[in-house]
């Protein structure tokens, strides 16, 4: 099993080195992930919009029922039918509670929608930043084609400094990606 771990570690190191030498490829992969998150967030926003519309329709239907029962309360009271008036008042109160619950759900959906829009804006902004970084990295690499071969011939100390900086950049991008993923997952949990 140890030999497989060694081979796996070697391949990971080769991939990491390749990505360090071709940072635009890593940035393109990150941009693709951000594109996918953008699509997912847009889908969530569409679902939330449908849910909000459905809740609004429910509220209007309940409001119409409340109005009907309110009219019935008045008619029953005018006719001296307190038994019917009391039952109609209870039904009206029940509908009011139901309407309040649906209204609360709609407010929750509105909050989720606002958070999703904010997340979408952050994703789009991050995607634009990554796109710019990828352009710069590609331009830099094509302007300095010897960079790749130089990285193999640098001294131990110089190579370590380059690795350290790219490790920090890589770690930063990994954390930003993870934070966006976690925020999206949290929003999805909140909506359910």
C-alpha atoms as a PDB file:
ATOM      1  CA  UNK A   1       0.000   0.000   0.000  1.00  0.00           C
ATOM      2  CA  UNK A   2       2.943   2.290   0.711  1.00  0.00           C
ATOM      3  CA  UNK A   3       4.065   2.227  -2.925  1.00  0.00           C
ATOM      4  CA  UNK A   4       0.630   3.430  -4.057  1.00  0.00           C
ATOM      5  CA  UNK A   5       0.767   6.263  -1.547  1.00  0.00           C
ATOM      6  CA  UNK A   6       4.228   7.187  -2.818  1.00  0.00           C
ATOM      7  CA  UNK A   7       3.051   7.167  -6.433  1.00  0.00           C
ATOM      8  CA  UNK A   8      -0.039   9.158  -5.498  1.00  0.00           C
ATOM      9  CA  UNK A   9       2.071  11.711  -3.625  1.00  0.00           C
ATOM     10  CA  UNK A  10       4.503  11.925  -6.551  1.00  0.00           C
ATOM     11  CA  UNK A  11       1.645  12.543  -9.008  1.00  0.00           C
ATOM     12  CA  UNK A  12       0.117  15.186  -6.727  1.00  0.00           C
ATOM     13  CA  UNK A  13       3.495  16.921  -6.495  1.00  0.00           C
ATOM     14  CA  UNK A  14       3.882  16.818 -10.284  1.00  0.00           C
ATOM     15  CA  UNK A  15       0.386  18.253 -10.733  1.00  0.00           C
ATOM     16  CA  UNK A  16       1.068  20.975  -8.168  1.00  0.00           C
ATOM     17  CA  UNK A  17       4.314  21.860  -9.910  1.00  0.00           C
ATOM     18  CA  UNK A  18       2.602  21.880 -13.301  1.00  0.00           C
ATOM     19  CA  UNK A  19      -0.117  24.211 -11.975  1.00  0.00           C
ATOM     20  CA  UNK A  20       2.502  26.483 -10.408  1.00  0.00           C
ATOM     21  CA  UNK A  21       4.220  26.671 -13.784  1.00  0.00           C
ATOM     22  CA  UNK A  22       0.872  27.215 -15.536  1.00  0.00           C
ATOM     23  CA  UNK A  23      -1.163  29.279 -13.077  1.00  0.00           C
ATOM     24  CA  UNK A  24      -3.659  30.275 -15.773  1.00  0.00           C
ATOM     25  CA  UNK A  25      -4.846  26.639 -15.930  1.00  0.00           C
ATOM     26  CA  UNK A  26      -5.547  26.578 -12.203  1.00  0.00           C
ATOM     27  CA  UNK A  27      -7.358  29.887 -12.535  1.00  0.00           C
ATOM     28  CA  UNK A  28      -9.394  28.515 -15.452  1.00  0.00           C
ATOM     29  CA  UNK A  29     -10.427  25.552 -13.310  1.00  0.00           C
ATOM     30  CA  UNK A  30     -11.418  27.933 -10.511  1.00  0.00           C
ATOM     31  CA  UNK A  31     -13.371  30.030 -13.013  1.00  0.00           C
ATOM     32  CA  UNK A  32     -15.258  26.900 -14.137  1.00  0.00           C
ATOM     33  CA  UNK A  33     -16.138  26.120 -10.513  1.00  0.00           C
ATOM     34  CA  UNK A  34     -17.378  29.679 -10.066  1.00  0.00           C
ATOM     35  CA  UNK A  35     -19.434  29.370 -13.271  1.00  0.00           C
ATOM     36  CA  UNK A  36     -21.053  26.252 -11.889  1.00  0.00           C
ATOM     37  CA  UNK A  37     -21.785  27.988  -8.587  1.00  0.00           C
ATOM     38  CA  UNK A  38     -23.255  30.911 -10.503  1.00  0.00           C
ATOM     39  CA  UNK A  39     -25.577  28.532 -12.405  1.00  0.00           C
ATOM     40  CA  UNK A  40     -26.594  26.823  -9.145  1.00  0.00           C
ATOM     41  CA  UNK A  41     -27.285  30.157  -7.467  1.00  0.00           C
ATOM     42  CA  UNK A  42     -29.348  31.343 -10.434  1.00  0.00           C
ATOM     43  CA  UNK A  43     -31.344  28.119 -10.225  1.00  0.00           C
ATOM     44  CA  UNK A  44     -31.898  28.694  -6.493  1.00  0.00           C
ATOM     45  CA  UNK A  45     -33.030  32.257  -7.214  1.00  0.00           C
ATOM     46  CA  UNK A  46     -35.492  31.015  -9.822  1.00  0.00           C
ATOM     47  CA  UNK A  47     -36.889  28.447  -7.375  1.00  0.00           C
ATOM     48  CA  UNK A  48     -37.208  31.117  -4.685  1.00  0.00           C
ATOM     49  CA  UNK A  49     -39.027  33.434  -7.090  1.00  0.00           C
ATOM     50  CA  UNK A  50     -41.518  30.659  -7.914  1.00  0.00           C
ATOM     51  CA  UNK A  51     -41.982  29.896  -4.217  1.00  0.00           C
ATOM     52  CA  UNK A  52     -42.540  33.594  -3.434  1.00  0.00           C
ATOM     53  CA  UNK A  53     -45.129  33.880  -6.213  1.00  0.00           C
ATOM     54  CA  UNK A  54     -46.927  30.780  -4.925  1.00  0.00           C
ATOM     55  CA  UNK A  55     -46.997  32.184  -1.389  1.00  0.00           C
ATOM     56  CA  UNK A  56     -48.308  35.525  -2.665  1.00  0.00           C
ATOM     57  CA  UNK A  57     -51.109  33.679  -4.467  1.00  0.00           C
ATOM     58  CA  UNK A  58     -51.920  31.804  -1.249  1.00  0.00           C
ATOM     59  CA  UNK A  59     -52.034  35.057   0.702  1.00  0.00           C
ATOM     60  CA  UNK A  60     -54.420  36.610  -1.836  1.00  0.00           C
ATOM     61  CA  UNK A  61     -56.681  33.535  -1.719  1.00  0.00           C
ATOM     62  CA  UNK A  62     -56.715  33.609   2.086  1.00  0.00           C
ATOM     63  CA  UNK A  63     -57.417  37.364   2.067  1.00  0.00           C
ATOM     64  CA  UNK A  64     -60.426  36.753  -0.212  1.00  0.00           C
ATOM     65  CA  UNK A  65     -61.692  34.042   2.145  1.00  0.00           C
ATOM     66  CA  UNK A  66     -61.226  36.334   5.145  1.00  0.00           C
ATOM     67  CA  UNK A  67     -63.216  39.033   3.386  1.00  0.00           C
ATOM     68  CA  UNK A  68     -65.990  36.531   2.619  1.00  0.00           C
ATOM     69  CA  UNK A  69     -66.163  35.345   6.230  1.00  0.00           C
ATOM     70  CA  UNK A  70     -66.041  38.915   7.536  1.00  0.00           C
ATOM     71  CA  UNK A  71     -69.070  39.732   5.399  1.00  0.00           C
ATOM     72  CA  UNK A  72     -70.820  36.621   6.717  1.00  0.00           C
ATOM     73  CA  UNK A  73     -70.119  37.677  10.316  1.00  0.00           C
ATOM     74  CA  UNK A  74     -71.777  41.038   9.629  1.00  0.00           C
ATOM     75  CA  UNK A  75     -74.786  39.432   7.915  1.00  0.00           C
ATOM     76  CA  UNK A  76     -75.280  36.909  10.704  1.00  0.00           C
ATOM     77  CA  UNK A  77     -75.033  39.618  13.384  1.00  0.00           C
ATOM     78  CA  UNK A  78     -77.539  41.851  11.552  1.00  0.00           C
ATOM     79  CA  UNK A  79     -79.945  38.929  11.269  1.00  0.00           C
ATOM     80  CA  UNK A  80     -79.591  38.123  14.972  1.00  0.00           C
ATOM     81  CA  UNK A  81     -77.936  34.755  14.333  1.00  0.00           C
ATOM     82  CA  UNK A  82     -75.224  34.940  17.012  1.00  0.00           C
ATOM     83  CA  UNK A  83     -74.532  31.194  16.685  1.00  0.00           C
ATOM     84  CA  UNK A  84     -73.598  31.635  13.009  1.00  0.00           C
ATOM     85  CA  UNK A  85     -71.806  34.921  13.703  1.00  0.00           C
ATOM     86  CA  UNK A  86     -69.624  33.289  16.373  1.00  0.00           C
ATOM     87  CA  UNK A  87     -68.753  30.330  14.114  1.00  0.00           C
ATOM     88  CA  UNK A  88     -67.966  32.732  11.249  1.00  0.00           C
ATOM     89  CA  UNK A  89     -65.723  34.811  13.560  1.00  0.00           C
ATOM     90  CA  UNK A  90     -63.830  31.678  14.570  1.00  0.00           C
ATOM     91  CA  UNK A  91     -63.360  30.738  10.910  1.00  0.00           C
ATOM     92  CA  UNK A  92     -62.196  34.290  10.137  1.00  0.00           C
ATOM     93  CA  UNK A  93     -59.686  34.161  13.024  1.00  0.00           C
ATOM     94  CA  UNK A  94     -58.426  30.764  11.826  1.00  0.00           C
ATOM     95  CA  UNK A  95     -57.874  32.177   8.339  1.00  0.00           C
ATOM     96  CA  UNK A  96     -56.064  35.192   9.822  1.00  0.00           C
ATOM     97  CA  UNK A  97     -53.639  32.856  11.644  1.00  0.00           C
ATOM     98  CA  UNK A  98     -53.126  30.830   8.469  1.00  0.00           C
ATOM     99  CA  UNK A  99     -52.504  34.053   6.520  1.00  0.00           C
ATOM    100  CA  UNK A 100     -49.957  35.194   9.099  1.00  0.00           C
ATOM    101  CA  UNK A 101     -48.110  31.875   8.813  1.00  0.00           C
ATOM    102  CA  UNK A 102     -47.993  32.075   5.028  1.00  0.00           C
ATOM    103  CA  UNK A 103     -46.875  35.723   5.288  1.00  0.00           C
ATOM    104  CA  UNK A 104     -44.049  34.651   7.601  1.00  0.00           C
ATOM    105  CA  UNK A 105     -42.958  32.000   5.094  1.00  0.00           C
ATOM    106  CA  UNK A 106     -42.981  34.589   2.336  1.00  0.00           C
ATOM    107  CA  UNK A 107     -40.815  36.932   4.412  1.00  0.00           C
ATOM    108  CA  UNK A 108     -38.358  34.047   4.951  1.00  0.00           C
ATOM    109  CA  UNK A 109     -38.257  33.426   1.203  1.00  0.00           C
ATOM    110  CA  UNK A 110     -37.598  37.138   0.607  1.00  0.00           C
ATOM    111  CA  UNK A 111     -34.674  37.043   3.037  1.00  0.00           C
ATOM    112  CA  UNK A 112     -33.278  33.937   1.318  1.00  0.00           C
ATOM    113  CA  UNK A 113     -33.703  35.640  -2.046  1.00  0.00           C
ATOM    114  CA  UNK A 114     -31.778  38.698  -0.861  1.00  0.00           C
ATOM    115  CA  UNK A 115     -28.970  36.488   0.489  1.00  0.00           C
ATOM    116  CA  UNK A 116     -28.886  34.501  -2.759  1.00  0.00           C
ATOM    117  CA  UNK A 117     -28.646  37.698  -4.797  1.00  0.00           C
ATOM    118  CA  UNK A 118     -25.810  38.883  -2.581  1.00  0.00           C
ATOM    119  CA  UNK A 119     -24.052  35.540  -3.003  1.00  0.00           C
ATOM    120  CA  UNK A 120     -24.574  35.676  -6.768  1.00  0.00           C
ATOM    121  CA  UNK A 121     -23.030  39.135  -6.859  1.00  0.00           C
ATOM    122  CA  UNK A 122     -20.028  37.897  -4.840  1.00  0.00           C
ATOM    123  CA  UNK A 123     -19.609  34.886  -7.129  1.00  0.00           C
ATOM    124  CA  UNK A 124     -19.792  37.072 -10.236  1.00  0.00           C
ATOM    125  CA  UNK A 125     -17.301  39.523  -8.776  1.00  0.00           C
ATOM    126  CA  UNK A 126     -14.921  36.712  -7.794  1.00  0.00           C
ATOM    127  CA  UNK A 127     -15.321  35.127 -11.226  1.00  0.00           C
ATOM    128  CA  UNK A 128     -14.410  38.422 -12.892  1.00  0.00           C
ATOM    129  CA  UNK A 129     -11.339  38.737 -10.652  1.00  0.00           C
ATOM    130  CA  UNK A 130     -10.277  35.181 -11.502  1.00  0.00           C
ATOM    131  CA  UNK A 131     -10.810  35.856 -15.214  1.00  0.00           C
ATOM    132  CA  UNK A 132      -8.557  38.930 -14.974  1.00  0.00           C
ATOM    133  CA  UNK A 133      -5.919  36.971 -13.051  1.00  0.00           C
ATOM    134  CA  UNK A 134      -6.017  34.198 -15.658  1.00  0.00           C
ATOM    135  CA  UNK A 135      -5.512  36.724 -18.457  1.00  0.00           C
ATOM    136  CA  UNK A 136      -2.577  38.282 -16.602  1.00  0.00           C
ATOM    137  CA  UNK A 137      -1.037  34.892 -15.856  1.00  0.00           C
ATOM    138  CA  UNK A 138      -1.380  33.790 -19.471  1.00  0.00           C
ATOM    139  CA  UNK A 139       0.066  37.091 -20.710  1.00  0.00           C
ATOM    140  CA  UNK A 140       2.937  36.852 -18.249  1.00  0.00           C
ATOM    141  CA  UNK A 141       3.693  33.280 -19.237  1.00  0.00           C
ATOM    142  CA  UNK A 142       3.637  34.028 -22.976  1.00  0.00           C
ATOM    143  CA  UNK A 143       5.812  37.096 -22.407  1.00  0.00           C
ATOM    144  CA  UNK A 144       8.328  34.990 -20.423  1.00  0.00           C
ATOM    145  CA  UNK A 145       8.452  31.566 -22.103  1.00  0.00           C
ATOM    146  CA  UNK A 146      11.677  30.754 -20.282  1.00  0.00           C
ATOM    147  CA  UNK A 147       9.897  30.853 -16.894  1.00  0.00           C
ATOM    148  CA  UNK A 148       9.005  27.189 -17.126  1.00  0.00           C
ATOM    149  CA  UNK A 149      12.534  25.986 -17.774  1.00  0.00           C
ATOM    150  CA  UNK A 150      13.966  28.388 -15.192  1.00  0.00           C
ATOM    151  CA  UNK A 151      11.771  26.917 -12.484  1.00  0.00           C
ATOM    152  CA  UNK A 152      13.497  23.579 -12.901  1.00  0.00           C
ATOM    153  CA  UNK A 153      16.964  25.125 -12.591  1.00  0.00           C
ATOM    154  CA  UNK A 154      16.452  27.499  -9.667  1.00  0.00           C
ATOM    155  CA  UNK A 155      18.448  26.991  -6.550  1.00  0.00           C
ATOM    156  CA  UNK A 156      16.934  25.284  -3.509  1.00  0.00           C
ATOM    157  CA  UNK A 157      16.474  28.575  -1.630  1.00  0.00           C
ATOM    158  CA  UNK A 158      14.937  30.418  -4.600  1.00  0.00           C
ATOM    159  CA  UNK A 159      12.613  27.549  -5.433  1.00  0.00           C
ATOM    160  CA  UNK A 160      11.460  27.430  -1.851  1.00  0.00           C
ATOM    161  CA  UNK A 161      10.534  31.139  -1.921  1.00  0.00           C
ATOM    162  CA  UNK A 162       8.545  30.684  -5.141  1.00  0.00           C
ATOM    163  CA  UNK A 163       6.796  27.646  -3.730  1.00  0.00           C
ATOM    164  CA  UNK A 164       5.968  29.477  -0.548  1.00  0.00           C
ATOM    165  CA  UNK A 165       4.352  32.401  -2.392  1.00  0.00           C
ATOM    166  CA  UNK A 166       2.365  30.171  -4.746  1.00  0.00           C
ATOM    167  CA  UNK A 167       1.365  27.934  -1.821  1.00  0.00           C
ATOM    168  CA  UNK A 168      -0.036  31.004  -0.071  1.00  0.00           C
ATOM    169  CA  UNK A 169      -1.873  32.083  -3.235  1.00  0.00           C
ATOM    170  CA  UNK A 170      -3.183  28.557  -3.730  1.00  0.00           C
ATOM    171  CA  UNK A 171      -4.236  28.328  -0.103  1.00  0.00           C
ATOM    172  CA  UNK A 172      -5.989  31.694  -0.376  1.00  0.00           C
ATOM    173  CA  UNK A 173      -7.929  30.594  -3.464  1.00  0.00           C
ATOM    174  CA  UNK A 174      -8.795  27.247  -1.850  1.00  0.00           C
ATOM    175  CA  UNK A 175     -10.163  29.013   1.234  1.00  0.00           C
ATOM    176  CA  UNK A 176     -12.137  31.488  -0.841  1.00  0.00           C
ATOM    177  CA  UNK A 177     -13.608  28.636  -2.877  1.00  0.00           C
ATOM    178  CA  UNK A 178     -14.401  26.655   0.278  1.00  0.00           C
ATOM    179  CA  UNK A 179     -16.022  29.680   1.944  1.00  0.00           C
ATOM    180  CA  UNK A 180     -18.203  30.282  -1.121  1.00  0.00           C
ATOM    181  CA  UNK A 181     -19.176  26.585  -1.209  1.00  0.00           C
ATOM    182  CA  UNK A 182     -20.044  26.634   2.494  1.00  0.00           C
ATOM    183  CA  UNK A 183     -22.100  29.816   2.148  1.00  0.00           C
ATOM    184  CA  UNK A 184     -24.010  28.307  -0.784  1.00  0.00           C
ATOM    185  CA  UNK A 185     -24.640  25.078   1.154  1.00  0.00           C
ATOM    186  CA  UNK A 186     -25.849  27.090   4.169  1.00  0.00           C
ATOM    187  CA  UNK A 187     -28.235  29.061   1.973  1.00  0.00           C
ATOM    188  CA  UNK A 188     -29.604  25.828   0.476  1.00  0.00           C
ATOM    189  CA  UNK A 189     -30.110  24.415   4.004  1.00  0.00           C
ATOM    190  CA  UNK A 190     -31.846  27.614   5.095  1.00  0.00           C
ATOM    191  CA  UNK A 191     -34.234  27.424   2.162  1.00  0.00           C
ATOM    192  CA  UNK A 192     -35.208  23.853   3.002  1.00  0.00           C
END
